[in-house]
Amino acid sequence: VQLQASGGGLVQAGGSLGLSCTASGSIFSINAMGWYRQAPGKQRELVAVITNGGSTNYADSVKGRFTISRTNAKNTVYLQMNSLKPEDTAVYYCNADFAAIPPRYWGQGTQVTVSS
């Protein structure tokens, strides 16, 4: 499975950004897709996950602000980030296959920077 992420960038606090990630290859094996993030000097953090059935789970720090979704083909996942805070600044990684933690597949990171 290969994951290609796009989006991210620089935004002021309170603004919005969107991330997307498309999976290719043996996508039939994917049970869930999601996003991790890692800020400088901090441990990586699971941000959001969405299962094949559409169930979602969010980190407490992003609940009510971030929304994860998938296409009907289930091979593209989106992360809509609203009301961004400087503490959301991190490299965001797309993930697939959450049969175990950490997930099996990782995309390239994409930088999200929120200025105060």
Protein backbone atom coordinates (compact mmCIF):
# COMPACT_ATOMS: atom_id res chain seq x y z
CA VAL A 1 0.00 0.00 0.00
CA GLN A 2 1.27 3.42 -0.93
CA LEU A 3 -0.08 6.61 0.60
CA GLN A 4 0.13 9.99 -1.10
CA ALA A 5 -0.79 12.94 1.05
CA SER A 6 -1.37 16.53 0.05
CA GLY A 7 -2.46 19.74 1.67
CA GLY A 8 -1.12 21.47 4.71
CA GLY A 9 0.74 24.74 4.77
CA LEU A 10 0.75 27.89 6.84
CA VAL A 11 -2.34 29.44 8.37
CA GLN A 12 -3.13 31.91 11.11
CA ALA A 13 -4.71 30.79 14.33
CA GLY A 14 -8.43 30.36 13.92
CA GLY A 15 -8.09 29.46 10.27
CA SER A 16 -8.75 26.24 8.42
CA LEU A 17 -6.75 23.77 6.38
CA GLY A 18 -7.51 20.49 4.69
CA LEU A 19 -5.41 17.41 4.17
CA SER A 20 -6.07 14.56 1.80
CA CYS A 21 -4.44 11.19 1.31
CA THR A 22 -4.95 8.63 -1.41
CA ALA A 23 -4.06 4.99 -0.99
CA SER A 24 -3.01 2.76 -3.85
CA GLY A 25 -1.94 -0.83 -4.14
CA SER A 26 -3.54 -3.55 -2.05
CA ILE A 27 -6.17 -1.28 -0.57
CA PHE A 28 -8.55 -4.22 -0.03
CA SER A 29 -6.42 -5.05 3.02
CA ILE A 30 -7.01 -1.68 4.68
CA ASN A 31 -9.40 -1.74 7.64
CA ALA A 32 -9.07 1.90 8.57
CA MET A 33 -7.26 5.08 7.60
CA GLY A 34 -6.22 7.99 9.69
CA TRP A 35 -3.76 10.67 10.62
CA TYR A 36 -0.95 10.94 13.14
CA ARG A 37 1.00 14.08 13.86
CA GLN A 38 4.31 14.87 15.46
CA ALA A 39 5.38 18.26 16.73
CA PRO A 40 9.03 19.13 17.34
CA GLY A 41 10.23 17.64 20.59
CA LYS A 42 6.97 15.79 21.20
CA GLN A 43 5.80 12.23 20.79
CA ARG A 44 3.69 11.41 17.81
CA GLU A 45 -0.01 11.61 18.46
CA LEU A 46 -2.95 9.86 16.86
CA VAL A 47 -5.19 12.61 15.54
CA ALA A 48 -8.12 10.82 13.91
CA VAL A 49 -9.13 7.46 12.50
CA ILE A 50 -11.99 6.34 10.27
CA THR A 51 -12.89 2.70 9.73
CA ASN A 52 -14.25 1.05 6.62
CA GLY A 53 -17.63 1.19 8.27
CA GLY A 54 -17.38 4.91 8.77
CA SER A 55 -16.78 4.93 12.50
CA THR A 56 -14.52 7.75 13.62
CA ASN A 57 -12.32 8.44 16.59
CA TYR A 58 -10.52 11.66 17.47
CA ALA A 59 -7.88 12.82 19.87
CA ASP A 60 -9.46 14.88 22.64
CA SER A 61 -7.34 17.84 21.59
CA VAL A 62 -9.03 18.04 18.17
CA LYS A 63 -12.59 16.96 18.91
CA GLY A 64 -15.10 19.46 17.59
CA ARG A 65 -12.51 21.13 15.36
CA PHE A 66 -11.26 18.40 13.03
CA THR A 67 -13.32 16.14 10.81
CA ILE A 68 -12.10 12.97 9.14
CA SER A 69 -13.90 11.50 6.16
CA ARG A 70 -13.38 8.98 3.36
CA THR A 71 -14.52 8.59 -0.21
CA ASN A 72 -17.02 5.88 -1.13
CA ALA A 73 -14.21 4.03 -2.81
CA LYS A 74 -12.55 4.12 0.60
CA ASN A 75 -9.16 4.86 -0.85
CA THR A 76 -8.97 8.58 -0.06
CA VAL A 77 -9.15 10.06 3.39
CA TYR A 78 -9.59 13.73 4.25
CA LEU A 79 -8.89 15.72 7.36
CA GLN A 80 -10.66 19.05 7.60
CA MET A 81 -9.06 21.16 10.29
CA ASN A 82 -10.96 24.19 11.57
CA SER A 83 -10.31 26.64 14.37
CA LEU A 84 -6.63 25.82 14.17
CA LYS A 85 -4.40 26.61 17.11
CA PRO A 86 -0.63 27.12 17.28
CA GLU A 87 -0.41 23.83 19.18
CA ASP A 88 -1.74 22.06 16.08
CA THR A 89 1.56 22.85 14.38
CA ALA A 90 3.16 19.54 13.46
CA VAL A 91 4.08 17.21 10.66
CA TYR A 92 0.95 15.24 9.79
CA TYR A 93 1.21 11.67 8.54
CA CYS A 94 -1.44 9.73 6.68
CA ASN A 95 -1.84 6.14 7.88
CA ALA A 96 -3.54 2.95 6.80
CA ASP A 97 -4.23 -0.44 8.35
CA PHE A 98 -4.90 0.00 12.04
CA ALA A 99 -5.00 -3.70 12.83
CA ALA A 100 -2.13 -2.89 15.13
CA ILE A 101 -0.78 0.29 16.68
CA PRO A 102 1.23 1.92 15.27
CA PRO A 103 -0.50 1.48 11.92
CA ARG A 104 1.22 -0.54 9.27
CA TYR A 105 1.42 2.00 6.46
CA TRP A 106 2.66 5.58 6.62
CA GLY A 107 2.62 8.29 4.01
CA GLN A 108 5.12 11.07 3.70
CA GLY A 109 4.60 13.79 6.23
CA THR A 110 3.05 17.12 5.39
CA GLN A 111 3.77 20.22 7.43
CA VAL A 112 0.99 22.18 9.08
CA THR A 113 2.05 25.44 10.69
CA VAL A 114 -0.35 27.61 12.64
CA SER A 115 0.88 31.07 13.50
CA SER A 116 -0.37 32.98 16.50
